[in-house]
Structure formats: C-alpha cells, structure tokens
Amino acid sequence: MELFLPFILLIFASFFQGTFGLGMKYMNPLSWEAWWLVHVTIAMIIFPMTWALIVMPDLFDIISSSPSDAIFYAMLLGFLWGVGGIMFGVSVPYIGLSLTMGIVMGLAGSAGSLIPFFQIDDAFSQPAFPYVIGGIIISLIGVFLTAKAGIDRDKLTSSGSKGNNITKGILIAVTCGLLSSLLNVGFANAAPIAATAEEFGVITRNSSLAAWVVVLWGAFLMNLLYCLFLLFKNNSWASFSSLNSSKAYRWSIIAGLCWFAALGVYGQGAALLGEIGPVIGWPILLGLSLIISNFWAFRAGEWKNAKKPFNTLIYGLIVLIGSAIVLGLGNSV
C-alpha cells in the first residue's frame, strides 16, 4: 500500500493537534466555561458537519442508513472521552501539568491503539503485531522522558508544593488517560458508518468524516452539559458579553478549527491505511503532536534556564520519532 500520502496526512494532523492548545493562552476576559463552550461548538459540531456536508451532501441519509448499534457505541465512547477531558483538569492541581500529561498521553496513546488492534480478527497472528507492540513500547518510553523533562523543569521554576494527595491525583490521571483513549476507540468502532458512506459513493479518504461526526455528537453532549453546569454554578453568563473579548473569541474559534482539523486529517490518513489505520495512526498522531507542542513551548521560552531537562526532552522527542518509524513499518509488512 502507498504510505506516502497517509503519513503526510498524519504529519499535518499532528501539527494541528500540537498547535490548537495555543489558543488556551488567550481566554481572558471570558470565563473558562464560556470560552470552552464556543471552542467545542466550533470543534465538535460546526466544523465537522460543515466539512462532512461539503464532501458528502447525503450525510444525514448516510448516518440514518448506518447500523444503529455502531451509532450508539460511537456516541457513547465519544461521551466517555468527554468525561476524561474533565478529569484531566481535576488531576493537574494534585500532581502538576507535566506528570498529568505524561500519564494521560501514555495511556491514551497505548490503550487507544491496542483496543482497536485486539478487536481485529486474529490480531496476534497479524504480521504487524510485533511492530505495533514494539512501537507502542518505544512511544511510552518517549512519553516518559518528555514527562520527566517537564517535571524536572517544573522543579526548577516552581517552589510550590502540590500537596500530599499525589496518589489521588495519579489515580485520576490514569482514569483520564484510559477514558481519553476512547476517542480513537470510538472512531475505530464507527467504521460501519464510514463503510455506509462508501456505499453512497463517498471516497475512502472522506468517509471517515461521517464517523467523526457521530463520535463527536457524543463528545459535544458531555462538554455542553459540563459547560452549562459551570455557567449556572458560577453565574458566569455575563462573561459572554465581556468588554474587549474579541481576541478571546477569535482564538477560541481558531483553536476549534485546529482541533478538528487534526482529527479530520488524521481520519483521512487512517482510512487510507486500512483496517489497521487507527491502530498505528493514533500513537503516531499523539507522539508527533507532543513534539509540535513542545516546539511551541520552546518558542514561548518555557524551557529557558532549564538546560538539563531540555536535553532530556530532546532525547524523549527523538525516541518518539523512532516509535513513529517502527509503527509505520508495521503497515508495510
């Protein structure tokens, strides 16, 4: 199978995935829940459905013709992924951002790849099996090194204590990582929806968009409910009309566009890789996006005066590149 186009798409997807978080630096003067509601509405509803309707005008006929169980499980897994996103924010105050990111990225990447892989018939006898396992192990090492670099950097730049609830924080982060993997599991299990799109004449590369639309309906529902809860709890509705908020709105929209651009382009690359696409594409996406996000962090000066942790980071990023190569080889056997 031709690998050039799928992997170019995965690289582009990783760029968007590693970049969308920049918008979160520009939330003020909006409250978090106001900014996030605009963000997820763009990222999970408006952009996916607009893109999908452009390439498949029969989108709603395709979805209504798809197996009902595939629609239900795709939405359910998307909803549960949304729960994981909320738990990420809960974990950070206990154990810090770097350790939380390391645990979540490691588990989301490995579980998000292995669960769809073991759903394939005769998974253990697949020629790609050793490459998948080896690539994921290498990826976990890379994530560990980047997380360690972040933790060491935080020790140099902060003297504050995270408190004595580290065990609680780690348990929350582990749960978050496992739930975060369900976004890709939902995408893989929405394959019957993509197959229905192909029956309607949609090309393989674009058929994945129909699957994402359904998965993200469930994800948006969870995020919508949480934002509404916070808006009522904090009585922060007035935040939507805050003065000088145009920049915050603009970045919320840009972040939303980048977020789904990552998933949409990733889905196209994964679709072109065939049944094993979500298995090898997901850890590649997360690994390369970690490289991109750290590049932006470096540009912003977040690694200034932290030479030793930065060297550890470089080693971790090299390992992540190696894991992407091994996973890519898994699709060539």
Protein backbone atom coordinates (compact mmCIF):
# COMPACT_ATOMS: atom_id res chain seq x y z
CA MET A 1 0.00 0.00 0.00
CA GLU A 2 1.23 3.50 -0.79
CA LEU A 3 2.41 5.00 2.51
CA PHE A 4 3.50 8.49 1.45
CA LEU A 5 0.10 10.24 1.41
CA PRO A 6 -1.25 8.67 4.64
CA PHE A 7 1.86 9.62 6.59
CA ILE A 8 1.95 13.12 5.15
CA LEU A 9 -1.65 13.47 6.37
CA LEU A 10 -0.66 12.18 9.82
CA ILE A 11 2.15 14.74 10.00
CA PHE A 12 -0.24 17.56 9.09
CA ALA A 13 -2.74 16.25 11.64
CA SER A 14 -0.03 16.22 14.31
CA PHE A 15 0.80 19.85 13.54
CA PHE A 16 -2.80 20.89 14.13
CA GLN A 17 -3.08 18.70 17.25
CA GLY A 18 0.10 20.15 18.74
CA THR A 19 -0.93 23.71 17.89
CA PHE A 20 -4.57 24.07 18.95
CA GLY A 21 -3.62 24.45 22.63
CA LEU A 22 -2.00 27.81 21.90
CA GLY A 23 -5.46 29.33 21.85
CA MET A 24 -5.97 28.46 25.51
CA LYS A 25 -3.45 31.14 26.45
CA TYR A 26 -5.98 33.76 25.34
CA MET A 27 -9.13 33.04 27.34
CA ASN A 28 -9.37 36.31 29.25
CA PRO A 29 -11.68 38.13 29.76
CA LEU A 30 -14.03 35.21 29.05
CA SER A 31 -14.62 32.66 31.78
CA TRP A 32 -13.23 29.19 31.10
CA GLU A 33 -16.71 27.73 30.54
CA ALA A 34 -17.75 30.50 28.13
CA TRP A 35 -14.54 30.19 26.08
CA TRP A 36 -14.75 26.39 26.10
CA LEU A 37 -18.38 26.28 25.00
CA VAL A 38 -17.58 28.40 21.95
CA HIS A 39 -14.49 26.26 21.29
CA VAL A 40 -16.25 22.88 21.41
CA THR A 41 -19.22 24.13 19.39
CA ILE A 42 -16.81 25.03 16.58
CA ALA A 43 -14.58 21.99 17.05
CA MET A 44 -17.20 19.28 17.52
CA ILE A 45 -20.31 20.49 15.69
CA ILE A 46 -19.94 23.34 13.21
CA PHE A 47 -16.60 22.50 11.56
CA PRO A 48 -17.02 18.67 11.38
CA MET A 49 -20.54 18.86 10.00
CA THR A 50 -19.71 21.64 7.53
CA TRP A 51 -16.70 19.73 6.21
CA ALA A 52 -18.67 16.49 6.04
CA LEU A 53 -21.64 18.08 4.26
CA ILE A 54 -19.35 19.63 1.67
CA VAL A 55 -17.84 16.28 0.66
CA MET A 56 -20.99 14.20 1.28
CA PRO A 57 -24.25 16.13 0.86
CA ASP A 58 -26.13 12.94 1.83
CA LEU A 59 -24.54 12.95 5.31
CA PHE A 60 -27.78 12.55 7.26
CA ASP A 61 -29.05 9.83 4.92
CA ILE A 62 -25.71 8.03 5.39
CA ILE A 63 -25.97 8.22 9.17
CA SER A 64 -29.63 7.14 9.23
CA SER A 65 -28.72 4.17 7.00
CA SER A 66 -25.86 3.08 9.24
CA PRO A 67 -26.20 0.29 11.84
CA SER A 68 -27.89 1.67 14.94
CA ASP A 69 -25.50 -0.14 17.30
CA ALA A 70 -22.50 1.49 15.58
CA ILE A 71 -24.11 4.92 16.04
CA PHE A 72 -24.92 4.23 19.69
CA TYR A 73 -21.44 2.97 20.64
CA ALA A 74 -19.69 5.72 18.67
CA MET A 75 -21.65 8.38 20.55
CA LEU A 76 -21.23 6.60 23.89
CA LEU A 77 -17.46 6.33 23.50
CA GLY A 78 -17.31 9.98 22.46
CA PHE A 79 -19.31 10.92 25.57
CA LEU A 80 -16.97 8.93 27.84
CA TRP A 81 -13.96 10.59 26.21
CA GLY A 82 -15.53 13.90 27.23
CA VAL A 83 -15.59 12.71 30.85
CA GLY A 84 -11.88 12.01 30.57
CA GLY A 85 -11.23 15.56 29.41
CA ILE A 86 -12.89 16.94 32.51
CA MET A 87 -10.84 14.65 34.75
CA PHE A 88 -7.65 15.99 33.17
CA GLY A 89 -8.31 19.40 34.70
CA VAL A 90 -9.09 17.80 38.06
CA SER A 91 -5.79 15.90 38.12
CA VAL A 92 -3.45 18.82 37.36
CA PRO A 93 -3.76 20.60 40.75
CA TYR A 94 -2.75 17.38 42.52
CA ILE A 95 0.29 16.26 40.51
CA GLY A 96 1.09 19.08 38.10
CA LEU A 97 0.64 19.52 34.35
CA SER A 98 3.76 17.67 33.19
CA LEU A 99 3.10 14.45 35.13
CA THR A 100 -0.60 14.55 34.21
CA MET A 101 0.30 15.00 30.53
CA GLY A 102 2.78 12.11 30.70
CA ILE A 103 0.29 9.69 32.25
CA VAL A 104 -2.61 10.74 30.03
CA MET A 105 -0.63 10.79 26.77
CA GLY A 106 0.98 7.43 27.53
CA LEU A 107 -2.26 5.66 28.38
CA ALA A 108 -4.37 7.40 25.74
CA GLY A 109 -1.84 6.51 23.05
CA SER A 110 -1.28 2.89 24.06
CA ALA A 111 -4.86 1.96 25.02
CA GLY A 112 -6.27 3.91 22.09
CA SER A 113 -4.12 1.81 19.77
CA LEU A 114 -4.29 -1.60 21.46
CA ILE A 115 -8.06 -1.76 21.99
CA PRO A 116 -8.87 -1.36 18.26
CA PHE A 117 -6.00 -3.72 17.42
CA PHE A 118 -7.32 -6.52 19.61
CA GLN A 119 -10.76 -6.06 18.03
CA ILE A 120 -9.27 -7.17 14.71
CA ASP A 121 -9.80 -10.86 13.92
CA ASP A 122 -6.68 -12.96 14.67
CA ALA A 123 -4.86 -9.89 15.98
CA PHE A 124 -1.99 -11.91 17.43
CA SER A 125 -1.26 -13.55 14.09
CA GLN A 126 -1.18 -10.26 12.18
CA PRO A 127 2.24 -9.56 10.58
CA ALA A 128 2.09 -6.06 12.08
CA PHE A 129 1.71 -7.37 15.65
CA PRO A 130 5.39 -7.09 16.74
CA TYR A 131 5.67 -3.65 15.14
CA VAL A 132 2.55 -2.41 16.92
CA ILE A 133 3.69 -3.69 20.31
CA GLY A 134 7.27 -2.54 19.79
CA GLY A 135 6.19 0.88 18.53
CA ILE A 136 3.86 1.43 21.47
CA ILE A 137 6.55 0.42 23.99
CA ILE A 138 9.02 2.81 22.37
CA SER A 139 6.34 5.51 22.35
CA LEU A 140 5.73 5.01 26.08
CA ILE A 141 9.46 5.44 26.73
CA GLY A 142 9.40 8.66 24.73
CA VAL A 143 6.38 9.97 26.63
CA PHE A 144 8.06 9.04 29.93
CA LEU A 145 11.18 11.00 29.02
CA THR A 146 9.21 14.08 27.94
CA ALA A 147 7.13 13.92 31.12
CA LYS A 148 10.27 13.60 33.24
CA ALA A 149 11.76 16.60 31.46
CA GLY A 150 8.63 18.62 32.24
CA ILE A 151 8.64 17.56 35.89
CA ASP A 152 12.33 18.44 36.27
CA ARG A 153 11.70 21.80 34.62
CA ASP A 154 8.80 22.49 36.97
CA LYS A 155 11.04 21.77 39.96
CA LEU A 156 13.49 24.42 38.74
CA THR A 157 10.84 27.05 38.10
CA SER A 158 8.40 26.46 40.97
CA SER A 159 8.91 26.03 44.68
CA GLY A 160 5.26 25.38 45.42
CA SER A 161 4.04 22.02 46.71
CA LYS A 162 1.28 20.09 45.03
CA GLY A 163 0.08 18.77 48.35
CA ASN A 164 0.04 15.25 49.72
CA ASN A 165 -2.73 13.85 47.50
CA ILE A 166 -0.36 12.55 44.84
CA THR A 167 -1.94 9.07 44.91
CA LYS A 168 -5.38 10.55 44.32
CA GLY A 169 -4.03 12.70 41.50
CA ILE A 170 -2.32 9.74 39.81
CA LEU A 171 -5.48 7.62 40.03
CA ILE A 172 -7.49 10.42 38.45
CA ALA A 173 -4.87 10.86 35.71
CA VAL A 174 -4.83 7.12 34.98
CA THR A 175 -8.62 7.09 34.67
CA CYS A 176 -8.41 10.17 32.47
CA GLY A 177 -5.84 8.51 30.21
CA LEU A 178 -7.94 5.40 29.74
CA LEU A 179 -11.08 7.43 29.01
CA SER A 180 -9.12 9.70 26.66
CA SER A 181 -8.18 6.68 24.57
CA LEU A 182 -11.88 6.16 23.80
CA LEU A 183 -11.92 8.94 21.23
CA ASN A 184 -9.89 6.75 18.90
CA VAL A 185 -11.70 3.59 20.00
CA GLY A 186 -14.97 5.31 19.12
CA PHE A 187 -13.58 6.29 15.73
CA ALA A 188 -12.44 2.71 15.06
CA ASN A 189 -15.81 1.31 16.12
CA ALA A 190 -17.59 3.82 13.89
CA ALA A 191 -16.09 2.05 10.85
CA PRO A 192 -19.55 0.74 9.78
CA ILE A 193 -20.69 4.36 9.41
CA ALA A 194 -17.70 5.11 7.18
CA ALA A 195 -18.47 1.92 5.23
CA THR A 196 -22.03 3.12 4.68
CA ALA A 197 -20.64 6.40 3.36
CA GLU A 198 -18.57 4.46 0.82
CA GLU A 199 -21.71 2.59 -0.26
CA PHE A 200 -23.18 6.02 -1.02
CA GLY A 201 -20.22 6.71 -3.30
CA VAL A 202 -18.02 8.70 -0.90
CA ILE A 203 -14.30 8.15 -1.46
CA THR A 204 -12.43 6.25 1.29
CA ARG A 205 -10.44 9.25 2.46
CA ASN A 206 -13.56 11.31 3.12
CA SER A 207 -15.75 8.53 4.51
CA SER A 208 -14.02 8.89 7.89
CA LEU A 209 -15.69 12.29 8.34
CA ALA A 210 -19.09 10.63 8.73
CA ALA A 211 -17.67 8.51 11.55
CA TRP A 212 -16.21 11.57 13.29
CA VAL A 213 -19.49 13.48 13.11
CA VAL A 214 -21.27 10.76 15.09
CA VAL A 215 -18.46 10.26 17.64
CA LEU A 216 -18.29 13.98 18.27
CA TRP A 217 -22.04 14.27 18.83
CA GLY A 218 -21.49 12.26 21.98
CA ALA A 219 -18.36 14.20 22.90
CA PHE A 220 -20.10 17.54 22.44
CA LEU A 221 -23.04 16.47 24.60
CA MET A 222 -20.70 15.80 27.54
CA ASN A 223 -18.85 19.08 27.08
CA LEU A 224 -22.08 21.03 26.66
CA LEU A 225 -23.52 19.63 29.89
CA TYR A 226 -20.35 20.43 31.82
CA CYS A 227 -20.16 24.00 30.47
CA LEU A 228 -23.81 24.62 31.29
CA PHE A 229 -23.23 23.25 34.79
CA LEU A 230 -20.35 25.70 35.33
CA LEU A 231 -22.24 28.62 33.79
CA PHE A 232 -25.10 28.10 36.25
CA LYS A 233 -22.84 27.25 39.19
CA ASN A 234 -20.56 30.27 38.71
CA ASN A 235 -23.31 32.52 37.35
CA SER A 236 -20.88 33.44 34.59
CA TRP A 237 -23.33 34.03 31.72
CA ALA A 238 -22.33 37.70 31.62
CA SER A 239 -18.85 36.60 30.56
CA PHE A 240 -20.11 36.15 27.01
CA SER A 241 -20.59 39.92 26.71
CA SER A 242 -17.32 40.95 28.39
CA LEU A 243 -15.62 44.05 27.05
CA ASN A 244 -12.54 43.56 24.85
CA SER A 245 -13.32 39.88 24.39
CA SER A 246 -12.93 39.79 20.60
CA LYS A 247 -9.40 38.37 20.85
CA ALA A 248 -10.57 35.59 23.17
CA TYR A 249 -13.43 34.71 20.81
CA ARG A 250 -11.07 34.73 17.84
CA TRP A 251 -8.64 32.34 19.50
CA SER A 252 -11.46 30.10 20.68
CA ILE A 253 -12.59 29.74 17.06
CA ILE A 254 -9.03 29.24 15.76
CA ALA A 255 -8.37 26.59 18.42
CA GLY A 256 -11.61 24.84 17.49
CA LEU A 257 -10.69 24.80 13.81
CA CYS A 258 -7.22 23.42 14.57
CA TRP A 259 -8.61 20.79 16.94
CA PHE A 260 -10.91 19.19 14.42
CA ALA A 261 -8.50 19.79 11.55
CA ALA A 262 -6.23 17.41 13.47
CA LEU A 263 -8.90 14.71 13.80
CA GLY A 264 -10.31 15.20 10.31
CA VAL A 265 -6.93 14.93 8.60
CA TYR A 266 -5.88 12.08 10.91
CA GLY A 267 -9.08 10.22 10.00
CA GLN A 268 -8.29 10.60 6.30
CA GLY A 269 -4.78 9.21 6.79
CA ALA A 270 -6.03 6.36 8.98
CA ALA A 271 -8.72 5.47 6.42
CA LEU A 272 -6.11 5.19 3.67
CA LEU A 273 -4.07 2.81 5.86
CA GLY A 274 -6.98 0.36 6.01
CA GLU A 275 -8.23 -1.62 8.99
CA ILE A 276 -5.01 -1.12 10.92
CA GLY A 277 -5.05 2.65 10.34
CA PRO A 278 -6.45 3.66 13.77
CA VAL A 279 -4.02 1.22 15.42
CA ILE A 280 -0.79 2.69 14.11
CA GLY A 281 -2.05 6.18 13.24
CA TRP A 282 -3.24 7.13 16.75
CA PRO A 283 0.07 6.76 18.64
CA ILE A 284 1.86 8.45 15.74
CA LEU A 285 -0.58 11.38 15.97
CA LEU A 286 -0.14 11.79 19.73
CA GLY A 287 3.63 11.29 19.62
CA LEU A 288 4.28 13.79 16.84
CA SER A 289 1.82 16.30 18.31
CA LEU A 290 3.80 16.15 21.56
CA ILE A 291 6.85 17.20 19.55
CA ILE A 292 4.95 20.10 17.97
CA SER A 293 3.51 21.33 21.28
CA ASN A 294 6.95 21.30 22.89
CA PHE A 295 8.32 23.24 19.94
CA TRP A 296 5.78 25.99 20.61
CA ALA A 297 6.61 25.82 24.33
CA PHE A 298 10.29 26.27 23.49
CA ARG A 299 9.48 29.24 21.26
CA ALA A 300 7.49 30.76 24.14
CA GLY A 301 10.52 30.49 26.45
CA GLU A 302 9.08 27.78 28.71
CA TRP A 303 12.38 25.85 28.63
CA LYS A 304 14.57 28.85 29.36
CA ASN A 305 17.15 28.27 32.14
CA ALA A 306 16.36 24.53 32.18
CA LYS A 307 19.21 23.09 30.10
CA LYS A 308 19.37 19.63 31.66
CA PRO A 309 15.58 18.99 31.50
CA PHE A 310 15.61 20.33 27.94
CA ASN A 311 18.28 17.78 26.97
CA THR A 312 16.05 15.05 28.45
CA LEU A 313 13.19 16.43 26.39
CA ILE A 314 15.27 16.19 23.20
CA TYR A 315 16.04 12.52 23.94
CA GLY A 316 12.33 11.88 24.50
CA LEU A 317 11.35 13.53 21.24
CA ILE A 318 13.96 11.51 19.32
CA VAL A 319 12.52 8.34 20.83
CA LEU A 320 9.00 9.43 19.78
CA ILE A 321 10.22 9.88 16.20
CA GLY A 322 11.68 6.36 16.40
CA SER A 323 8.35 4.96 17.58
CA ALA A 324 6.59 6.60 14.62
CA ILE A 325 9.04 4.93 12.25
CA VAL A 326 8.51 1.50 13.83
CA LEU A 327 4.73 1.89 13.74
CA GLY A 328 4.94 2.99 10.12
CA LEU A 329 6.90 -0.14 9.25
CA GLY A 330 4.03 -2.14 10.73
CA ASN A 331 1.86 -1.16 7.81
CA SER A 332 4.44 -2.22 5.24
CA VAL A 333 4.62 -5.91 6.21
